[in-house]
N, C-alpha and C. Protein backbone atom coordinates (compact mmCIF):
# COMPACT_ATOMS: atom_id res chain seq x y z
N UNK A 1 -5.26 7.07 0.83
CA UNK A 1 -5.75 5.91 1.52
C UNK A 1 -4.59 5.13 2.13
N UNK A 2 -3.49 5.04 1.38
CA UNK A 2 -2.32 4.32 1.89
C UNK A 2 -1.86 4.93 3.21
N UNK A 3 -1.75 6.24 3.23
CA UNK A 3 -1.24 6.91 4.43
C UNK A 3 -2.20 6.74 5.60
N UNK A 4 -3.50 6.78 5.35
CA UNK A 4 -4.48 6.59 6.42
C UNK A 4 -4.34 5.20 7.01
N UNK A 5 -4.25 4.18 6.17
CA UNK A 5 -4.12 2.81 6.66
C UNK A 5 -2.81 2.57 7.39
N UNK A 6 -1.72 3.11 6.88
CA UNK A 6 -0.41 2.94 7.52
C UNK A 6 -0.38 3.66 8.86
N UNK A 7 -0.89 4.88 8.90
CA UNK A 7 -0.93 5.61 10.17
C UNK A 7 -1.77 4.88 11.20
N UNK A 8 -2.90 4.34 10.76
CA UNK A 8 -3.74 3.60 11.69
C UNK A 8 -3.05 2.35 12.19
N UNK A 9 -2.39 1.64 11.30
CA UNK A 9 -1.67 0.43 11.70
C UNK A 9 -0.58 0.76 12.70
N UNK A 10 0.13 1.84 12.47
CA UNK A 10 1.18 2.25 13.43
C UNK A 10 0.59 2.56 14.79
N UNK A 11 -0.55 3.25 14.81
CA UNK A 11 -1.15 3.59 16.10
C UNK A 11 -1.65 2.34 16.83
N UNK A 12 -2.13 1.35 16.07
CA UNK A 12 -2.60 0.10 16.69
C UNK A 12 -1.44 -0.68 17.29
N UNK A 13 -0.32 -0.74 16.60
CA UNK A 13 0.81 -1.51 17.12
C UNK A 13 1.45 -0.81 18.31
N UNK A 14 1.37 0.48 18.35
CA UNK A 14 1.94 1.23 19.47
C UNK A 14 0.98 1.31 20.64
N UNK A 15 -0.27 0.85 20.42
CA UNK A 15 -1.30 0.86 21.46
C UNK A 15 -1.56 2.27 22.00
N UNK A 16 -1.46 3.25 21.11
CA UNK A 16 -1.76 4.62 21.49
C UNK A 16 -3.08 5.01 20.88
N UNK A 17 -3.82 5.82 21.59
CA UNK A 17 -5.09 6.30 21.08
C UNK A 17 -5.10 7.83 21.18
N UNK A 18 -5.35 8.46 20.09
CA UNK A 18 -5.52 9.90 20.06
C UNK A 18 -7.00 10.15 19.86
N UNK A 19 -7.64 10.72 20.85
CA UNK A 19 -9.10 10.90 20.81
C UNK A 19 -9.54 11.71 19.59
N UNK A 20 -8.72 12.62 19.10
CA UNK A 20 -9.09 13.43 17.94
C UNK A 20 -9.15 12.60 16.66
N UNK A 21 -8.44 11.49 16.60
CA UNK A 21 -8.39 10.68 15.38
C UNK A 21 -9.41 9.54 15.38
N UNK A 22 -9.99 9.22 16.52
CA UNK A 22 -10.86 8.06 16.58
C UNK A 22 -12.10 8.20 15.71
N UNK A 23 -12.75 9.37 15.71
CA UNK A 23 -13.97 9.53 14.91
C UNK A 23 -13.73 9.36 13.42
N UNK A 24 -12.78 10.07 12.80
CA UNK A 24 -12.59 9.89 11.36
C UNK A 24 -12.12 8.48 10.98
N UNK A 25 -11.54 7.78 11.92
CA UNK A 25 -11.00 6.46 11.60
C UNK A 25 -11.91 5.32 12.04
N UNK A 26 -13.16 5.63 12.42
CA UNK A 26 -14.05 4.56 12.87
C UNK A 26 -14.25 3.49 11.81
N UNK A 27 -14.42 3.91 10.56
CA UNK A 27 -14.61 2.94 9.49
C UNK A 27 -13.36 2.09 9.31
N UNK A 28 -12.19 2.74 9.28
CA UNK A 28 -10.94 2.00 9.15
C UNK A 28 -10.74 1.08 10.35
N UNK A 29 -11.10 1.57 11.54
CA UNK A 29 -10.96 0.76 12.75
C UNK A 29 -11.82 -0.49 12.67
N UNK A 30 -13.03 -0.34 12.18
CA UNK A 30 -13.92 -1.49 12.06
C UNK A 30 -13.30 -2.55 11.15
N UNK A 31 -12.79 -2.14 10.02
CA UNK A 31 -12.17 -3.08 9.09
C UNK A 31 -10.92 -3.68 9.71
N UNK A 32 -10.10 -2.83 10.34
CA UNK A 32 -8.85 -3.31 10.93
C UNK A 32 -9.09 -4.26 12.10
N UNK A 33 -10.15 -4.01 12.88
CA UNK A 33 -10.46 -4.91 13.98
C UNK A 33 -10.80 -6.31 13.47
N UNK A 34 -11.51 -6.36 12.35
CA UNK A 34 -11.86 -7.65 11.77
C UNK A 34 -10.64 -8.37 11.20
N UNK A 35 -9.65 -7.60 10.77
CA UNK A 35 -8.48 -8.20 10.12
C UNK A 35 -7.20 -7.70 10.78
N UNK A 36 -7.16 -7.71 12.12
CA UNK A 36 -6.02 -7.14 12.84
C UNK A 36 -4.71 -7.88 12.57
N UNK A 37 -4.78 -9.11 12.12
CA UNK A 37 -3.55 -9.84 11.82
C UNK A 37 -2.87 -9.30 10.57
N UNK A 38 -3.52 -8.46 9.80
CA UNK A 38 -2.93 -7.89 8.60
C UNK A 38 -2.15 -6.61 8.87
N UNK A 39 -2.27 -6.04 10.06
CA UNK A 39 -1.61 -4.78 10.36
C UNK A 39 -0.09 -4.87 10.23
N UNK A 40 0.57 -5.88 10.79
CA UNK A 40 2.03 -5.96 10.58
C UNK A 40 2.39 -6.07 9.10
N UNK A 41 1.57 -6.76 8.33
CA UNK A 41 1.83 -6.89 6.90
C UNK A 41 1.71 -5.56 6.20
N UNK A 42 0.76 -4.74 6.63
CA UNK A 42 0.57 -3.43 6.04
C UNK A 42 1.78 -2.54 6.31
N UNK A 43 2.32 -2.62 7.53
CA UNK A 43 3.51 -1.83 7.86
C UNK A 43 4.71 -2.31 7.06
N UNK A 44 4.85 -3.62 6.90
CA UNK A 44 5.94 -4.17 6.08
C UNK A 44 5.78 -3.74 4.63
N UNK A 45 4.55 -3.78 4.13
CA UNK A 45 4.29 -3.36 2.76
C UNK A 45 4.67 -1.90 2.56
N UNK A 46 4.32 -1.05 3.50
CA UNK A 46 4.67 0.36 3.40
C UNK A 46 6.19 0.55 3.37
N UNK A 47 6.88 -0.17 4.24
CA UNK A 47 8.35 -0.09 4.29
C UNK A 47 8.97 -0.55 2.97
N UNK A 48 8.47 -1.65 2.44
CA UNK A 48 9.00 -2.18 1.19
C UNK A 48 8.65 -1.29 0.00
N UNK A 49 7.47 -0.67 0.03
CA UNK A 49 7.11 0.26 -1.05
C UNK A 49 8.06 1.45 -1.08
N UNK A 50 8.46 1.92 0.09
CA UNK A 50 9.43 3.02 0.15
C UNK A 50 10.76 2.60 -0.47
N UNK A 51 11.17 1.36 -0.24
CA UNK A 51 12.40 0.85 -0.84
C UNK A 51 12.25 0.72 -2.36
N UNK A 52 11.11 0.22 -2.79
CA UNK A 52 10.85 0.08 -4.22
C UNK A 52 10.83 1.43 -4.92
N UNK A 53 10.32 2.45 -4.24
CA UNK A 53 10.30 3.81 -4.81
C UNK A 53 11.71 4.30 -5.14
N UNK A 54 12.69 3.89 -4.35
CA UNK A 54 14.07 4.30 -4.60
C UNK A 54 14.62 3.61 -5.85
N UNK A 55 14.22 2.36 -6.07
CA UNK A 55 14.75 1.56 -7.17
C UNK A 55 13.96 1.79 -8.46
N UNK A 56 12.64 1.72 -8.33
CA UNK A 56 11.76 1.82 -9.51
C UNK A 56 10.52 2.62 -9.14
N UNK A 57 10.62 3.95 -9.18
CA UNK A 57 9.50 4.78 -8.74
C UNK A 57 8.21 4.55 -9.53
N UNK A 58 8.34 4.28 -10.82
CA UNK A 58 7.15 4.05 -11.65
C UNK A 58 6.42 2.78 -11.20
N UNK A 59 7.17 1.73 -10.94
CA UNK A 59 6.58 0.47 -10.49
C UNK A 59 5.91 0.65 -9.13
N UNK A 60 6.55 1.39 -8.24
CA UNK A 60 5.99 1.63 -6.91
C UNK A 60 4.68 2.41 -7.02
N UNK A 61 4.66 3.38 -7.90
CA UNK A 61 3.45 4.18 -8.08
C UNK A 61 2.31 3.32 -8.64
N UNK A 62 2.64 2.44 -9.56
CA UNK A 62 1.62 1.54 -10.12
C UNK A 62 1.09 0.58 -9.07
N UNK A 63 1.97 0.05 -8.23
CA UNK A 63 1.55 -0.84 -7.14
C UNK A 63 0.63 -0.09 -6.19
N UNK A 64 0.99 1.13 -5.86
CA UNK A 64 0.17 1.93 -4.95
C UNK A 64 -1.22 2.19 -5.54
N UNK A 65 -1.27 2.52 -6.82
CA UNK A 65 -2.56 2.75 -7.47
C UNK A 65 -3.40 1.47 -7.50
N UNK A 66 -2.74 0.36 -7.68
CA UNK A 66 -3.43 -0.93 -7.75
C UNK A 66 -3.91 -1.37 -6.37
N UNK A 67 -3.02 -1.36 -5.37
CA UNK A 67 -3.34 -1.89 -4.05
C UNK A 67 -4.22 -0.94 -3.25
N UNK A 68 -3.88 0.33 -3.22
CA UNK A 68 -4.61 1.28 -2.40
C UNK A 68 -5.72 2.00 -3.15
N UNK A 69 -5.56 2.14 -4.46
CA UNK A 69 -6.58 2.84 -5.24
C UNK A 69 -7.54 1.92 -5.95
N UNK A 70 -7.19 0.64 -6.08
CA UNK A 70 -8.06 -0.32 -6.73
C UNK A 70 -8.13 -0.17 -8.25
N UNK A 71 -7.17 0.55 -8.84
CA UNK A 71 -7.18 0.74 -10.29
C UNK A 71 -6.61 -0.47 -11.01
N UNK A 72 -7.08 -0.70 -12.20
CA UNK A 72 -6.53 -1.76 -13.04
C UNK A 72 -5.26 -1.23 -13.71
N UNK A 73 -4.55 -2.12 -14.38
CA UNK A 73 -3.34 -1.71 -15.10
C UNK A 73 -3.69 -0.68 -16.18
N UNK A 74 -4.80 -0.91 -16.86
CA UNK A 74 -5.22 0.02 -17.92
C UNK A 74 -5.58 1.39 -17.35
N UNK A 75 -6.33 1.41 -16.24
CA UNK A 75 -6.71 2.68 -15.61
C UNK A 75 -5.47 3.41 -15.09
N UNK A 76 -4.55 2.66 -14.51
CA UNK A 76 -3.31 3.27 -14.01
C UNK A 76 -2.48 3.85 -15.14
N UNK A 77 -2.43 3.14 -16.27
CA UNK A 77 -1.68 3.62 -17.43
C UNK A 77 -2.25 4.94 -17.92
N UNK A 78 -3.56 5.02 -18.02
CA UNK A 78 -4.20 6.27 -18.45
C UNK A 78 -3.91 7.38 -17.45
N UNK A 79 -4.04 7.08 -16.17
CA UNK A 79 -3.81 8.08 -15.12
C UNK A 79 -2.37 8.62 -15.16
N UNK A 80 -1.41 7.73 -15.39
CA UNK A 80 0.00 8.13 -15.40
C UNK A 80 0.49 8.54 -16.78
N UNK A 81 -0.34 8.37 -17.80
CA UNK A 81 0.06 8.72 -19.16
C UNK A 81 1.07 7.76 -19.75
N UNK A 82 0.95 6.48 -19.41
CA UNK A 82 1.88 5.45 -19.88
C UNK A 82 1.20 4.56 -20.91
N UNK A 83 2.02 3.89 -21.69
CA UNK A 83 1.55 2.84 -22.58
C UNK A 83 1.07 1.68 -21.70
N UNK A 84 -0.03 1.04 -22.07
CA UNK A 84 -0.60 -0.03 -21.26
C UNK A 84 0.40 -1.19 -21.10
N UNK A 85 1.11 -1.53 -22.16
CA UNK A 85 2.10 -2.61 -22.08
C UNK A 85 3.20 -2.29 -21.07
N UNK A 86 3.68 -1.05 -21.11
CA UNK A 86 4.71 -0.64 -20.15
C UNK A 86 4.18 -0.68 -18.72
N UNK A 87 2.95 -0.22 -18.54
CA UNK A 87 2.35 -0.24 -17.20
C UNK A 87 2.24 -1.67 -16.68
N UNK A 88 1.82 -2.59 -17.54
CA UNK A 88 1.71 -4.00 -17.12
C UNK A 88 3.07 -4.58 -16.77
N UNK A 89 4.10 -4.28 -17.58
CA UNK A 89 5.45 -4.79 -17.28
C UNK A 89 5.95 -4.23 -15.95
N UNK A 90 5.79 -2.94 -15.75
CA UNK A 90 6.24 -2.31 -14.51
C UNK A 90 5.47 -2.86 -13.31
N UNK A 91 4.19 -3.09 -13.50
CA UNK A 91 3.37 -3.63 -12.43
C UNK A 91 3.83 -5.04 -12.06
N UNK A 92 4.10 -5.87 -13.06
CA UNK A 92 4.60 -7.23 -12.80
C UNK A 92 5.95 -7.19 -12.10
N UNK A 93 6.82 -6.28 -12.56
CA UNK A 93 8.13 -6.14 -11.93
C UNK A 93 7.96 -5.75 -10.45
N UNK A 94 7.13 -4.75 -10.21
CA UNK A 94 6.91 -4.29 -8.84
C UNK A 94 6.31 -5.36 -7.95
N UNK A 95 5.35 -6.09 -8.48
CA UNK A 95 4.73 -7.17 -7.70
C UNK A 95 5.75 -8.26 -7.37
N UNK A 96 6.56 -8.62 -8.34
CA UNK A 96 7.59 -9.63 -8.09
C UNK A 96 8.62 -9.16 -7.09
N UNK A 97 9.03 -7.92 -7.22
CA UNK A 97 10.01 -7.35 -6.30
C UNK A 97 9.45 -7.35 -4.87
N UNK A 98 8.20 -6.90 -4.73
CA UNK A 98 7.58 -6.86 -3.40
C UNK A 98 7.39 -8.26 -2.83
N UNK A 99 6.97 -9.19 -3.66
CA UNK A 99 6.76 -10.57 -3.20
C UNK A 99 8.06 -11.13 -2.65
N UNK A 100 9.14 -10.91 -3.38
CA UNK A 100 10.46 -11.39 -2.93
C UNK A 100 10.89 -10.70 -1.65
N UNK A 101 10.72 -9.38 -1.59
CA UNK A 101 11.12 -8.62 -0.41
C UNK A 101 10.29 -8.99 0.82
N UNK A 102 9.01 -9.20 0.62
CA UNK A 102 8.13 -9.53 1.75
C UNK A 102 8.38 -10.96 2.24
N UNK A 103 8.77 -11.86 1.36
CA UNK A 103 9.02 -13.24 1.79
C UNK A 103 10.31 -13.36 2.59
N UNK A 104 11.20 -12.39 2.46
CA UNK A 104 12.46 -12.40 3.21
C UNK A 104 12.28 -11.85 4.61
N UNK A 105 11.15 -11.26 4.91
CA UNK A 105 10.91 -10.68 6.23
C UNK A 105 10.53 -11.71 7.24
């Protein structure tokens, strides 16, 4: 889901349309049209997630599961085979790191 949203956001900012992609992305397009002001934020989030992956891959993976997958900390912990406490700490660290990084942009 993350990649679909990021790819769509990139295509919107570049003002390019690929006719082959329009049909599968109609649902995403509908949502993005309603919230087009969020597209730059989505691209920034993707960029910052890539940076976080270099520093703390576990935290980045938890953020991705939370933001793009809609999983809770407990569900993410089970999925990744982590202790729930560790997952919550890593999630808080990742959220704080991203908040700081995004506010500097």
